[in-house]
Amino acid sequence: MIHKSTQTIPTHAMLYAIEILFLLFVFFITAGSAHAQTDIPDLGLDEFSAPSVELIAPSGGALGSFVSVVAKTANIDDNFVSFNWYLDDQPMLAKSGRARTGFSFTTTKPFHVVRLSIIEDGEKIAENTASVVSSAVSLVWRTNTFVPADYEGKALPIVGSTITLTAFPEVKGESPDNLLYTWSVDAESRVRNILGEQEFSFTVMKNVSSIFISVEVSTLNQSVTITKALNISLAKPHVLLNAGPFLFLTPGEKIDLGAQPYYFNIASTADLQYEWSFGGKSALGIPPNPNALTLAIPTDSNTGSQMLQVVAENRRTPGETGRASLEVNIL
């Protein structure tokens, strides 16, 4: 006996219908997903991360430079939060507020700390700090000309004197001994890239009114370079009399006068010689102090005025002289 199978064999029509239904199913799933995505606006936010801010701060450069710090936020809508800026823990109210993502200031010291707090609905949602490091160098100078011991001013250089300068660099993390120094006088390089050359001396050789001096300080890798320059005026040897510009005396009267030297290239006043004159006639100082003079008005002098003069000259350097004069009125 032959049995016939009862299994149904799919026809081509049935297979085609199943394929159509599958494609329709995939279409509706994809369309629904795309529609769901367009319902959420793209704000560039990451729902899995907390709000944060990064501060981008450049190097401070030389002291007194203008610096701009920029805030880069994540998961924060800058237009709806307040940016509260602080400089060295002092609130910068004028530069804070909604969407104030930048902060600028001028450096006044080698190290500044910038802090930013971001506030939303009265609560702090993010905060960060950045350091702004500046470099600076200052210069001080001295010279070896003579001044009296009680002189409260500064000795000034003249032709032939030696000027000594000292640089005081401020480079964060660097010792002055580990920096390179280039010294120049009137734009002429005298010392170039010498390690630890913090002090520099030279002798004034030109008879000019002033000298321009500069120093360039840099790190070994040249990542930081700072410069400082100054102009030093030259003086002339000078003599002052211990009396005013006018002197009033009567016939027969005496007065002791002294001449005080300044800015000579000498070790002591013994290196100077003095020439006194009164009324055009030579007068002698008082040994052993040739810078002192006792002026005696003869009893038979007529009334009128006479000039008293003194000239001091360096014994070791002929031509290096200073002079002073005084009008003496005889009553």
C-alpha atoms as a PDB file:
ATOM      1  CA  MET A   1       0.000   0.000   0.000  1.00  0.00           C
ATOM      2  CA  ILE A   2       1.286   3.378  -0.925  1.00  0.00           C
ATOM      3  CA  HIS A   3       0.775   6.265   1.586  1.00  0.00           C
ATOM      4  CA  LYS A   4       0.799   9.922   0.442  1.00  0.00           C
ATOM      5  CA  SER A   5       2.631  12.571   2.563  1.00  0.00           C
ATOM      6  CA  THR A   6       0.466  15.116   4.329  1.00  0.00           C
ATOM      7  CA  GLN A   7       3.365  17.765   4.642  1.00  0.00           C
ATOM      8  CA  THR A   8       2.535  21.039   2.916  1.00  0.00           C
ATOM      9  CA  ILE A   9       5.176  22.267   0.497  1.00  0.00           C
ATOM     10  CA  PRO A  10       5.404  26.177   0.389  1.00  0.00           C
ATOM     11  CA  THR A  11       4.631  27.592  -2.953  1.00  0.00           C
ATOM     12  CA  HIS A  12       6.518  30.472  -4.598  1.00  0.00           C
ATOM     13  CA  ALA A  13       3.627  32.802  -3.716  1.00  0.00           C
ATOM     14  CA  MET A  14       3.875  31.954  -0.055  1.00  0.00           C
ATOM     15  CA  LEU A  15       7.628  32.551   0.041  1.00  0.00           C
ATOM     16  CA  TYR A  16       7.239  35.929  -1.643  1.00  0.00           C
ATOM     17  CA  ALA A  17       4.567  36.991   0.857  1.00  0.00           C
ATOM     18  CA  ILE A  18       6.811  36.060   3.806  1.00  0.00           C
ATOM     19  CA  GLU A  19       9.700  38.093   2.363  1.00  0.00           C
ATOM     20  CA  ILE A  20       7.464  41.150   1.961  1.00  0.00           C
ATOM     21  CA  LEU A  21       6.267  40.890   5.543  1.00  0.00           C
ATOM     22  CA  PHE A  22       9.881  40.696   6.801  1.00  0.00           C
ATOM     23  CA  LEU A  23      10.950  43.787   4.872  1.00  0.00           C
ATOM     24  CA  LEU A  24       7.956  45.725   6.188  1.00  0.00           C
ATOM     25  CA  PHE A  25       8.889  44.729   9.734  1.00  0.00           C
ATOM     26  CA  VAL A  26      12.477  45.949   9.321  1.00  0.00           C
ATOM     27  CA  PHE A  27      11.267  49.216   7.781  1.00  0.00           C
ATOM     28  CA  PHE A  28       8.961  50.061  10.665  1.00  0.00           C
ATOM     29  CA  ILE A  29      11.623  49.240  13.267  1.00  0.00           C
ATOM     30  CA  THR A  30      14.208  51.483  11.538  1.00  0.00           C
ATOM     31  CA  ALA A  31      11.780  54.338  11.004  1.00  0.00           C
ATOM     32  CA  GLY A  32      10.682  54.217  14.604  1.00  0.00           C
ATOM     33  CA  SER A  33      14.249  54.349  15.816  1.00  0.00           C
ATOM     34  CA  ALA A  34      15.071  57.328  13.583  1.00  0.00           C
ATOM     35  CA  HIS A  35      11.963  59.137  14.759  1.00  0.00           C
ATOM     36  CA  ALA A  36      12.929  58.537  18.396  1.00  0.00           C
ATOM     37  CA  GLN A  37      16.381  60.020  17.796  1.00  0.00           C
ATOM     38  CA  THR A  38      15.049  63.229  16.261  1.00  0.00           C
ATOM     39  CA  ASP A  39      12.947  63.834  19.365  1.00  0.00           C
ATOM     40  CA  ILE A  40      16.180  64.482  21.436  1.00  0.00           C
ATOM     41  CA  PRO A  41      18.103  67.653  20.503  1.00  0.00           C
ATOM     42  CA  ASP A  42      21.864  67.196  19.970  1.00  0.00           C
ATOM     43  CA  LEU A  43      23.601  69.467  22.513  1.00  0.00           C
ATOM     44  CA  GLY A  44      26.912  67.680  22.378  1.00  0.00           C
ATOM     45  CA  LEU A  45      26.325  66.345  25.881  1.00  0.00           C
ATOM     46  CA  ASP A  46      27.441  63.004  27.214  1.00  0.00           C
ATOM     47  CA  GLU A  47      24.774  61.617  29.555  1.00  0.00           C
ATOM     48  CA  PHE A  48      27.283  59.264  31.128  1.00  0.00           C
ATOM     49  CA  SER A  49      29.761  62.033  32.259  1.00  0.00           C
ATOM     50  CA  ALA A  50      29.514  64.814  34.857  1.00  0.00           C
ATOM     51  CA  PRO A  51      29.865  68.504  33.927  1.00  0.00           C
ATOM     52  CA  SER A  52      33.524  69.577  33.762  1.00  0.00           C
ATOM     53  CA  VAL A  53      35.703  72.499  32.695  1.00  0.00           C
ATOM     54  CA  GLU A  54      39.281  72.762  31.464  1.00  0.00           C
ATOM     55  CA  LEU A  55      41.281  76.017  31.682  1.00  0.00           C
ATOM     56  CA  ILE A  56      43.648  76.759  28.823  1.00  0.00           C
ATOM     57  CA  ALA A  57      46.293  79.192  30.053  1.00  0.00           C
ATOM     58  CA  PRO A  58      49.374  80.261  28.081  1.00  0.00           C
ATOM     59  CA  SER A  59      52.753  81.010  29.591  1.00  0.00           C
ATOM     60  CA  GLY A  60      52.828  84.394  31.289  1.00  0.00           C
ATOM     61  CA  GLY A  61      55.843  85.504  29.255  1.00  0.00           C
ATOM     62  CA  ALA A  62      57.631  88.536  30.625  1.00  0.00           C
ATOM     63  CA  LEU A  63      56.302  90.251  33.716  1.00  0.00           C
ATOM     64  CA  GLY A  64      53.675  92.841  32.760  1.00  0.00           C
ATOM     65  CA  SER A  65      52.363  90.830  29.816  1.00  0.00           C
ATOM     66  CA  PHE A  66      48.668  90.585  28.861  1.00  0.00           C
ATOM     67  CA  VAL A  67      47.382  87.029  29.377  1.00  0.00           C
ATOM     68  CA  SER A  68      44.088  85.415  28.284  1.00  0.00           C
ATOM     69  CA  VAL A  69      42.702  82.272  29.934  1.00  0.00           C
ATOM     70  CA  VAL A  70      39.959  80.327  28.100  1.00  0.00           C
ATOM     71  CA  ALA A  71      37.459  77.879  29.633  1.00  0.00           C
ATOM     72  CA  LYS A  72      36.561  74.735  27.665  1.00  0.00           C
ATOM     73  CA  THR A  73      33.476  73.027  29.101  1.00  0.00           C
ATOM     74  CA  ALA A  74      31.982  69.566  28.720  1.00  0.00           C
ATOM     75  CA  ASN A  75      28.360  68.617  29.489  1.00  0.00           C
ATOM     76  CA  ILE A  76      27.593  72.274  30.225  1.00  0.00           C
ATOM     77  CA  ASP A  77      25.467  74.713  28.254  1.00  0.00           C
ATOM     78  CA  ASP A  78      27.614  77.864  28.486  1.00  0.00           C
ATOM     79  CA  ASN A  79      24.677  80.180  27.808  1.00  0.00           C
ATOM     80  CA  PHE A  80      22.745  79.126  30.918  1.00  0.00           C
ATOM     81  CA  VAL A  81      25.435  79.049  33.606  1.00  0.00           C
ATOM     82  CA  SER A  82      27.509  81.695  35.372  1.00  0.00           C
ATOM     83  CA  PHE A  83      31.303  81.747  35.001  1.00  0.00           C
ATOM     84  CA  ASN A  84      32.791  83.111  38.237  1.00  0.00           C
ATOM     85  CA  TRP A  85      36.492  84.013  37.790  1.00  0.00           C
ATOM     86  CA  TYR A  86      39.050  84.483  40.586  1.00  0.00           C
ATOM     87  CA  LEU A  87      42.606  85.835  40.386  1.00  0.00           C
ATOM     88  CA  ASP A  88      44.805  84.827  43.318  1.00  0.00           C
ATOM     89  CA  ASP A  89      41.587  84.037  45.261  1.00  0.00           C
ATOM     90  CA  GLN A  90      40.193  87.522  44.633  1.00  0.00           C
ATOM     91  CA  PRO A  91      36.790  87.515  42.852  1.00  0.00           C
ATOM     92  CA  MET A  92      36.854  89.239  39.470  1.00  0.00           C
ATOM     93  CA  LEU A  93      33.230  90.408  39.499  1.00  0.00           C
ATOM     94  CA  ALA A  94      33.521  92.688  36.481  1.00  0.00           C
ATOM     95  CA  LYS A  95      34.749  89.799  34.338  1.00  0.00           C
ATOM     96  CA  SER A  96      32.354  87.147  35.614  1.00  0.00           C
ATOM     97  CA  GLY A  97      28.840  86.276  34.458  1.00  0.00           C
ATOM     98  CA  ARG A  98      26.783  84.149  32.095  1.00  0.00           C
ATOM     99  CA  ALA A  99      28.684  82.737  29.129  1.00  0.00           C
ATOM    100  CA  ARG A 100      31.906  84.564  30.185  1.00  0.00           C
ATOM    101  CA  THR A 101      34.188  81.792  28.978  1.00  0.00           C
ATOM    102  CA  GLY A 102      37.327  83.943  28.802  1.00  0.00           C
ATOM    103  CA  PHE A 103      39.317  85.918  31.362  1.00  0.00           C
ATOM    104  CA  SER A 104      42.191  88.340  30.633  1.00  0.00           C
ATOM    105  CA  PHE A 105      44.578  90.214  32.905  1.00  0.00           C
ATOM    106  CA  THR A 106      48.060  91.749  33.064  1.00  0.00           C
ATOM    107  CA  THR A 107      50.660  89.911  35.104  1.00  0.00           C
ATOM    108  CA  THR A 108      52.042  91.818  38.077  1.00  0.00           C
ATOM    109  CA  LYS A 109      54.161  89.110  39.697  1.00  0.00           C
ATOM    110  CA  PRO A 110      55.987  85.961  38.588  1.00  0.00           C
ATOM    111  CA  PHE A 111      53.201  83.559  39.673  1.00  0.00           C
ATOM    112  CA  HIS A 112      49.407  83.939  39.452  1.00  0.00           C
ATOM    113  CA  VAL A 113      46.616  81.430  40.133  1.00  0.00           C
ATOM    114  CA  VAL A 114      43.404  81.683  38.074  1.00  0.00           C
ATOM    115  CA  ARG A 115      40.325  79.836  39.355  1.00  0.00           C
ATOM    116  CA  LEU A 116      36.940  79.347  37.692  1.00  0.00           C
ATOM    117  CA  SER A 117      33.725  78.199  39.372  1.00  0.00           C
ATOM    118  CA  ILE A 118      30.711  77.432  37.189  1.00  0.00           C
ATOM    119  CA  ILE A 119      27.355  78.010  38.883  1.00  0.00           C
ATOM    120  CA  GLU A 120      24.004  76.671  37.716  1.00  0.00           C
ATOM    121  CA  ASP A 121      20.768  77.386  39.623  1.00  0.00           C
ATOM    122  CA  GLY A 122      22.780  78.556  42.607  1.00  0.00           C
ATOM    123  CA  GLU A 123      24.954  75.439  42.804  1.00  0.00           C
ATOM    124  CA  LYS A 124      28.534  74.869  41.763  1.00  0.00           C
ATOM    125  CA  ILE A 125      28.643  72.222  39.067  1.00  0.00           C
ATOM    126  CA  ALA A 126      32.300  72.475  37.984  1.00  0.00           C
ATOM    127  CA  GLU A 127      35.545  74.134  39.049  1.00  0.00           C
ATOM    128  CA  ASN A 128      39.177  74.221  37.948  1.00  0.00           C
ATOM    129  CA  THR A 129      42.374  76.244  38.433  1.00  0.00           C
ATOM    130  CA  ALA A 130      45.337  77.184  36.260  1.00  0.00           C
ATOM    131  CA  SER A 131      48.740  78.682  36.999  1.00  0.00           C
ATOM    132  CA  VAL A 132      50.185  81.552  34.998  1.00  0.00           C
ATOM    133  CA  VAL A 133      53.941  81.718  35.384  1.00  0.00           C
ATOM    134  CA  SER A 134      55.850  84.820  34.265  1.00  0.00           C
ATOM    135  CA  SER A 135      59.566  85.461  34.149  1.00  0.00           C
ATOM    136  CA  ALA A 136      61.360  88.692  34.973  1.00  0.00           C
ATOM    137  CA  VAL A 137      64.839  90.034  35.507  1.00  0.00           C
ATOM    138  CA  SER A 138      65.890  93.157  37.388  1.00  0.00           C
ATOM    139  CA  LEU A 139      69.209  94.988  37.227  1.00  0.00           C
ATOM    140  CA  VAL A 140      71.183  96.905  39.842  1.00  0.00           C
ATOM    141  CA  TRP A 141      74.484  98.683  39.282  1.00  0.00           C
ATOM    142  CA  ARG A 142      77.294 100.367  41.161  1.00  0.00           C
ATOM    143  CA  THR A 143      80.512 102.163  40.275  1.00  0.00           C
ATOM    144  CA  ASN A 144      83.852 102.757  41.955  1.00  0.00           C
ATOM    145  CA  THR A 145      84.093 106.581  41.889  1.00  0.00           C
ATOM    146  CA  PHE A 146      84.854 108.421  45.122  1.00  0.00           C
ATOM    147  CA  VAL A 147      82.121 109.941  47.317  1.00  0.00           C
ATOM    148  CA  PRO A 148      82.339 111.187  50.924  1.00  0.00           C
ATOM    149  CA  ALA A 149      81.600 108.637  53.622  1.00  0.00           C
ATOM    150  CA  ASP A 150      78.495 110.531  54.785  1.00  0.00           C
ATOM    151  CA  TYR A 151      77.115 110.929  51.256  1.00  0.00           C
ATOM    152  CA  GLU A 152      73.560 109.571  51.125  1.00  0.00           C
ATOM    153  CA  GLY A 153      73.294 109.499  47.342  1.00  0.00           C
ATOM    154  CA  LYS A 154      74.710 107.079  44.798  1.00  0.00           C
ATOM    155  CA  ALA A 155      78.170 107.283  43.308  1.00  0.00           C
ATOM    156  CA  LEU A 156      77.973 108.143  39.607  1.00  0.00           C
ATOM    157  CA  PRO A 157      80.300 106.832  36.893  1.00  0.00           C
ATOM    158  CA  ILE A 158      82.656 108.955  34.831  1.00  0.00           C
ATOM    159  CA  VAL A 159      85.032 108.161  31.961  1.00  0.00           C
ATOM    160  CA  GLY A 160      87.604 105.689  33.257  1.00  0.00           C
ATOM    161  CA  SER A 161      85.470 104.316  36.078  1.00  0.00           C
ATOM    162  CA  THR A 162      84.259 100.733  36.364  1.00  0.00           C
ATOM    163  CA  ILE A 163      80.556  99.891  36.355  1.00  0.00           C
ATOM    164  CA  THR A 164      79.399  96.598  37.865  1.00  0.00           C
ATOM    165  CA  LEU A 165      75.921  95.233  37.158  1.00  0.00           C
ATOM    166  CA  THR A 166      74.081  92.348  38.818  1.00  0.00           C
ATOM    167  CA  ALA A 167      71.097  90.578  37.275  1.00  0.00           C
ATOM    168  CA  PHE A 168      68.362  89.103  39.473  1.00  0.00           C
ATOM    169  CA  PRO A 169      66.277  86.782  37.282  1.00  0.00           C
ATOM    170  CA  GLU A 170      62.971  85.277  38.402  1.00  0.00           C
ATOM    171  CA  VAL A 171      62.341  82.118  36.409  1.00  0.00           C
ATOM    172  CA  LYS A 172      60.137  79.614  38.226  1.00  0.00           C
ATOM    173  CA  GLY A 173      61.953  76.410  39.039  1.00  0.00           C
ATOM    174  CA  GLU A 174      65.352  77.735  37.928  1.00  0.00           C
ATOM    175  CA  SER A 175      68.321  78.858  40.003  1.00  0.00           C
ATOM    176  CA  PRO A 176      70.170  81.956  38.718  1.00  0.00           C
ATOM    177  CA  ASP A 177      73.326  79.808  38.569  1.00  0.00           C
ATOM    178  CA  ASN A 178      71.670  77.479  36.027  1.00  0.00           C
ATOM    179  CA  LEU A 179      70.764  80.207  33.529  1.00  0.00           C
ATOM    180  CA  LEU A 180      72.617  81.600  30.520  1.00  0.00           C
ATOM    181  CA  TYR A 181      73.548  85.297  30.440  1.00  0.00           C
ATOM    182  CA  THR A 182      74.352  87.567  27.502  1.00  0.00           C
ATOM    183  CA  TRP A 183      75.555  91.077  28.403  1.00  0.00           C
ATOM    184  CA  SER A 184      75.748  93.961  25.922  1.00  0.00           C
ATOM    185  CA  VAL A 185      77.075  97.525  26.148  1.00  0.00           C
ATOM    186  CA  ASP A 186      75.700 100.010  23.610  1.00  0.00           C
ATOM    187  CA  ALA A 187      74.327  97.052  21.592  1.00  0.00           C
ATOM    188  CA  GLU A 188      77.798  95.460  21.447  1.00  0.00           C
ATOM    189  CA  SER A 189      77.873  91.963  22.905  1.00  0.00           C
ATOM    190  CA  ARG A 190      80.530  91.570  25.601  1.00  0.00           C
ATOM    191  CA  VAL A 191      79.476  88.245  27.165  1.00  0.00           C
ATOM    192  CA  ARG A 192      77.400  85.701  25.221  1.00  0.00           C
ATOM    193  CA  ASN A 193      75.499  82.717  26.678  1.00  0.00           C
ATOM    194  CA  ILE A 194      77.739  82.203  29.711  1.00  0.00           C
ATOM    195  CA  LEU A 195      76.346  79.941  32.428  1.00  0.00           C
ATOM    196  CA  GLY A 196      75.817  81.649  35.780  1.00  0.00           C
ATOM    197  CA  GLU A 197      77.297  85.016  34.691  1.00  0.00           C
ATOM    198  CA  GLN A 198      74.949  86.927  36.970  1.00  0.00           C
ATOM    199  CA  GLU A 199      77.431  89.791  37.524  1.00  0.00           C
ATOM    200  CA  PHE A 200      79.170  91.804  34.819  1.00  0.00           C
ATOM    201  CA  SER A 201      81.765  94.616  34.999  1.00  0.00           C
ATOM    202  CA  PHE A 202      83.281  96.904  32.402  1.00  0.00           C
ATOM    203  CA  THR A 203      85.314 100.115  32.262  1.00  0.00           C
ATOM    204  CA  VAL A 204      83.893 103.246  30.650  1.00  0.00           C
ATOM    205  CA  MET A 205      86.205 104.163  27.802  1.00  0.00           C
ATOM    206  CA  LYS A 206      84.180 106.654  25.762  1.00  0.00           C
ATOM    207  CA  ASN A 207      83.482 110.253  26.689  1.00  0.00           C
ATOM    208  CA  VAL A 208      79.706 110.111  26.147  1.00  0.00           C
ATOM    209  CA  SER A 209      76.698 111.369  28.055  1.00  0.00           C
ATOM    210  CA  SER A 210      75.215 107.934  28.806  1.00  0.00           C
ATOM    211  CA  ILE A 211      75.695 104.202  28.255  1.00  0.00           C
ATOM    212  CA  PHE A 212      73.010 101.683  27.246  1.00  0.00           C
ATOM    213  CA  ILE A 213      73.369  98.274  28.892  1.00  0.00           C
ATOM    214  CA  SER A 214      71.246  95.156  28.410  1.00  0.00           C
ATOM    215  CA  VAL A 215      71.166  91.565  29.627  1.00  0.00           C
ATOM    216  CA  GLU A 216      69.448  88.553  28.102  1.00  0.00           C
ATOM    217  CA  VAL A 217      68.745  85.605  30.387  1.00  0.00           C
ATOM    218  CA  SER A 218      67.599  82.215  29.108  1.00  0.00           C
ATOM    219  CA  THR A 219      67.185  78.646  30.254  1.00  0.00           C
ATOM    220  CA  LEU A 220      69.542  75.977  28.958  1.00  0.00           C
ATOM    221  CA  ASN A 221      66.928  74.689  26.498  1.00  0.00           C
ATOM    222  CA  GLN A 222      66.010  78.240  25.407  1.00  0.00           C
ATOM    223  CA  SER A 223      62.369  77.646  26.404  1.00  0.00           C
ATOM    224  CA  VAL A 224      62.364  80.894  28.417  1.00  0.00           C
ATOM    225  CA  THR A 225      64.207  84.068  27.386  1.00  0.00           C
ATOM    226  CA  ILE A 226      63.878  87.379  29.215  1.00  0.00           C
ATOM    227  CA  THR A 227      65.662  90.690  28.736  1.00  0.00           C
ATOM    228  CA  LYS A 228      66.260  93.875  30.694  1.00  0.00           C
ATOM    229  CA  ALA A 229      67.948  97.104  29.659  1.00  0.00           C
ATOM    230  CA  LEU A 230      68.828 100.391  31.315  1.00  0.00           C
ATOM    231  CA  ASN A 231      70.515 103.650  30.472  1.00  0.00           C
ATOM    232  CA  ILE A 232      73.221 104.914  32.836  1.00  0.00           C
ATOM    233  CA  SER A 233      74.150 108.592  32.665  1.00  0.00           C
ATOM    234  CA  LEU A 234      77.780 109.595  33.054  1.00  0.00           C
ATOM    235  CA  ALA A 235      78.805 112.405  35.383  1.00  0.00           C
ATOM    236  CA  LYS A 236      81.822 114.713  35.593  1.00  0.00           C
ATOM    237  CA  PRO A 237      84.217 115.012  38.529  1.00  0.00           C
ATOM    238  CA  HIS A 238      82.729 117.551  40.882  1.00  0.00           C
ATOM    239  CA  VAL A 239      83.802 119.764  43.794  1.00  0.00           C
ATOM    240  CA  LEU A 240      81.487 121.395  46.332  1.00  0.00           C
ATOM    241  CA  LEU A 241      82.389 124.192  48.730  1.00  0.00           C
ATOM    242  CA  ASN A 242      80.964 124.142  52.244  1.00  0.00           C
ATOM    243  CA  ALA A 243      79.377 127.552  51.747  1.00  0.00           C
ATOM    244  CA  GLY A 244      76.487 128.977  49.772  1.00  0.00           C
ATOM    245  CA  PRO A 245      76.799 130.565  46.334  1.00  0.00           C
ATOM    246  CA  PHE A 246      77.314 133.955  47.973  1.00  0.00           C
ATOM    247  CA  LEU A 247      79.481 134.919  50.914  1.00  0.00           C
ATOM    248  CA  PHE A 248      79.395 138.257  52.800  1.00  0.00           C
ATOM    249  CA  LEU A 249      82.476 139.316  54.773  1.00  0.00           C
ATOM    250  CA  THR A 250      83.890 142.527  56.227  1.00  0.00           C
ATOM    251  CA  PRO A 251      87.524 143.745  56.012  1.00  0.00           C
ATOM    252  CA  GLY A 252      89.709 141.928  58.545  1.00  0.00           C
ATOM    253  CA  GLU A 253      87.291 138.972  58.829  1.00  0.00           C
ATOM    254  CA  LYS A 254      88.418 135.323  58.402  1.00  0.00           C
ATOM    255  CA  ILE A 255      86.547 132.164  57.433  1.00  0.00           C
ATOM    256  CA  ASP A 256      87.544 128.523  57.005  1.00  0.00           C
ATOM    257  CA  LEU A 257      86.368 126.920  53.765  1.00  0.00           C
ATOM    258  CA  GLY A 258      86.536 123.326  52.584  1.00  0.00           C
ATOM    259  CA  ALA A 259      86.229 121.675  49.196  1.00  0.00           C
ATOM    260  CA  GLN A 260      84.619 118.225  48.968  1.00  0.00           C
ATOM    261  CA  PRO A 261      85.325 116.062  45.900  1.00  0.00           C
ATOM    262  CA  TYR A 262      82.797 113.765  44.204  1.00  0.00           C
ATOM    263  CA  TYR A 263      82.971 111.168  41.407  1.00  0.00           C
ATOM    264  CA  PHE A 264      86.762 111.072  40.930  1.00  0.00           C
ATOM    265  CA  ASN A 265      88.560 107.843  40.002  1.00  0.00           C
ATOM    266  CA  ILE A 266      90.538 107.855  43.236  1.00  0.00           C
ATOM    267  CA  ALA A 267      90.939 105.650  46.288  1.00  0.00           C
ATOM    268  CA  SER A 268      91.128 108.604  48.734  1.00  0.00           C
ATOM    269  CA  THR A 269      91.338 112.385  48.790  1.00  0.00           C
ATOM    270  CA  ALA A 270      95.136 112.049  49.065  1.00  0.00           C
ATOM    271  CA  ASP A 271      95.122 111.287  45.334  1.00  0.00           C
ATOM    272  CA  LEU A 272      93.978 114.857  44.590  1.00  0.00           C
ATOM    273  CA  GLN A 273      95.856 118.131  44.438  1.00  0.00           C
ATOM    274  CA  TYR A 274      94.129 121.518  44.884  1.00  0.00           C
ATOM    275  CA  GLU A 275      94.711 124.980  43.512  1.00  0.00           C
ATOM    276  CA  TRP A 276      92.979 127.892  45.253  1.00  0.00           C
ATOM    277  CA  SER A 277      92.695 131.465  44.008  1.00  0.00           C
ATOM    278  CA  PHE A 278      91.000 134.600  45.323  1.00  0.00           C
ATOM    279  CA  GLY A 279      90.554 137.746  43.291  1.00  0.00           C
ATOM    280  CA  GLY A 280      92.723 136.235  40.544  1.00  0.00           C
ATOM    281  CA  LYS A 281      95.647 135.582  42.906  1.00  0.00           C
ATOM    282  CA  SER A 282      96.854 132.179  44.067  1.00  0.00           C
ATOM    283  CA  ALA A 283      96.021 131.134  47.612  1.00  0.00           C
ATOM    284  CA  LEU A 284      97.402 128.249  49.655  1.00  0.00           C
ATOM    285  CA  GLY A 285      95.432 125.584  51.419  1.00  0.00           C
ATOM    286  CA  ILE A 286      95.970 124.574  54.998  1.00  0.00           C
ATOM    287  CA  PRO A 287      98.465 121.688  55.329  1.00  0.00           C
ATOM    288  CA  PRO A 288      97.974 118.783  55.730  1.00  0.00           C
ATOM    289  CA  ASN A 289      94.521 119.326  54.244  1.00  0.00           C
ATOM    290  CA  PRO A 290      95.018 121.007  50.888  1.00  0.00           C
ATOM    291  CA  ASN A 291      91.255 120.894  50.315  1.00  0.00           C
ATOM    292  CA  ALA A 292      90.823 123.432  53.150  1.00  0.00           C
ATOM    293  CA  LEU A 293      91.463 127.172  52.999  1.00  0.00           C
ATOM    294  CA  THR A 294      91.391 129.964  55.552  1.00  0.00           C
ATOM    295  CA  LEU A 295      90.203 133.042  53.714  1.00  0.00           C
ATOM    296  CA  ALA A 296      91.315 136.290  55.347  1.00  0.00           C
ATOM    297  CA  ILE A 297      89.959 139.591  54.081  1.00  0.00           C
ATOM    298  CA  PRO A 298      92.663 142.330  54.389  1.00  0.00           C
ATOM    299  CA  THR A 299      91.703 145.187  56.673  1.00  0.00           C
ATOM    300  CA  ASP A 300      92.325 147.695  53.894  1.00  0.00           C
ATOM    301  CA  SER A 301      90.091 145.937  51.347  1.00  0.00           C
ATOM    302  CA  ASN A 302      87.628 147.994  49.418  1.00  0.00           C
ATOM    303  CA  THR A 303      83.960 147.071  49.271  1.00  0.00           C
ATOM    304  CA  GLY A 304      82.830 144.988  46.308  1.00  0.00           C
ATOM    305  CA  SER A 305      82.916 141.371  45.205  1.00  0.00           C
ATOM    306  CA  GLN A 306      85.770 138.969  44.457  1.00  0.00           C
ATOM    307  CA  MET A 307      85.679 135.418  43.083  1.00  0.00           C
ATOM    308  CA  LEU A 308      87.047 132.522  45.091  1.00  0.00           C
ATOM    309  CA  GLN A 309      87.918 129.441  42.997  1.00  0.00           C
ATOM    310  CA  VAL A 310      89.258 125.962  43.648  1.00  0.00           C
ATOM    311  CA  VAL A 311      90.357 123.305  41.163  1.00  0.00           C
ATOM    312  CA  ALA A 312      90.911 119.668  42.177  1.00  0.00           C
ATOM    313  CA  GLU A 313      92.920 117.365  39.894  1.00  0.00           C
ATOM    314  CA  ASN A 314      93.583 113.625  40.016  1.00  0.00           C
ATOM    315  CA  ARG A 315      97.340 113.070  40.505  1.00  0.00           C
ATOM    316  CA  ARG A 316      97.142 109.652  38.820  1.00  0.00           C
ATOM    317  CA  THR A 317      95.003 110.778  35.869  1.00  0.00           C
ATOM    318  CA  PRO A 318      96.034 114.225  34.600  1.00  0.00           C
ATOM    319  CA  GLY A 319      93.141 116.112  33.095  1.00  0.00           C
ATOM    320  CA  GLU A 320      90.584 114.565  35.429  1.00  0.00           C
ATOM    321  CA  THR A 321      89.556 117.738  37.221  1.00  0.00           C
ATOM    322  CA  GLY A 322      86.678 119.285  39.081  1.00  0.00           C
ATOM    323  CA  ARG A 323      86.202 122.913  39.995  1.00  0.00           C
ATOM    324  CA  ALA A 324      84.015 125.196  42.081  1.00  0.00           C
ATOM    325  CA  SER A 325      83.678 128.966  42.536  1.00  0.00           C
ATOM    326  CA  LEU A 326      82.140 131.314  45.077  1.00  0.00           C
ATOM    327  CA  GLU A 327      81.350 135.019  44.964  1.00  0.00           C
ATOM    328  CA  VAL A 328      82.666 136.787  48.068  1.00  0.00           C
ATOM    329  CA  ASN A 329      81.029 140.132  48.827  1.00  0.00           C
ATOM    330  CA  ILE A 330      83.112 142.518  50.914  1.00  0.00           C
ATOM    331  CA  LEU A 331      80.944 144.913  52.879  1.00  0.00           C
END
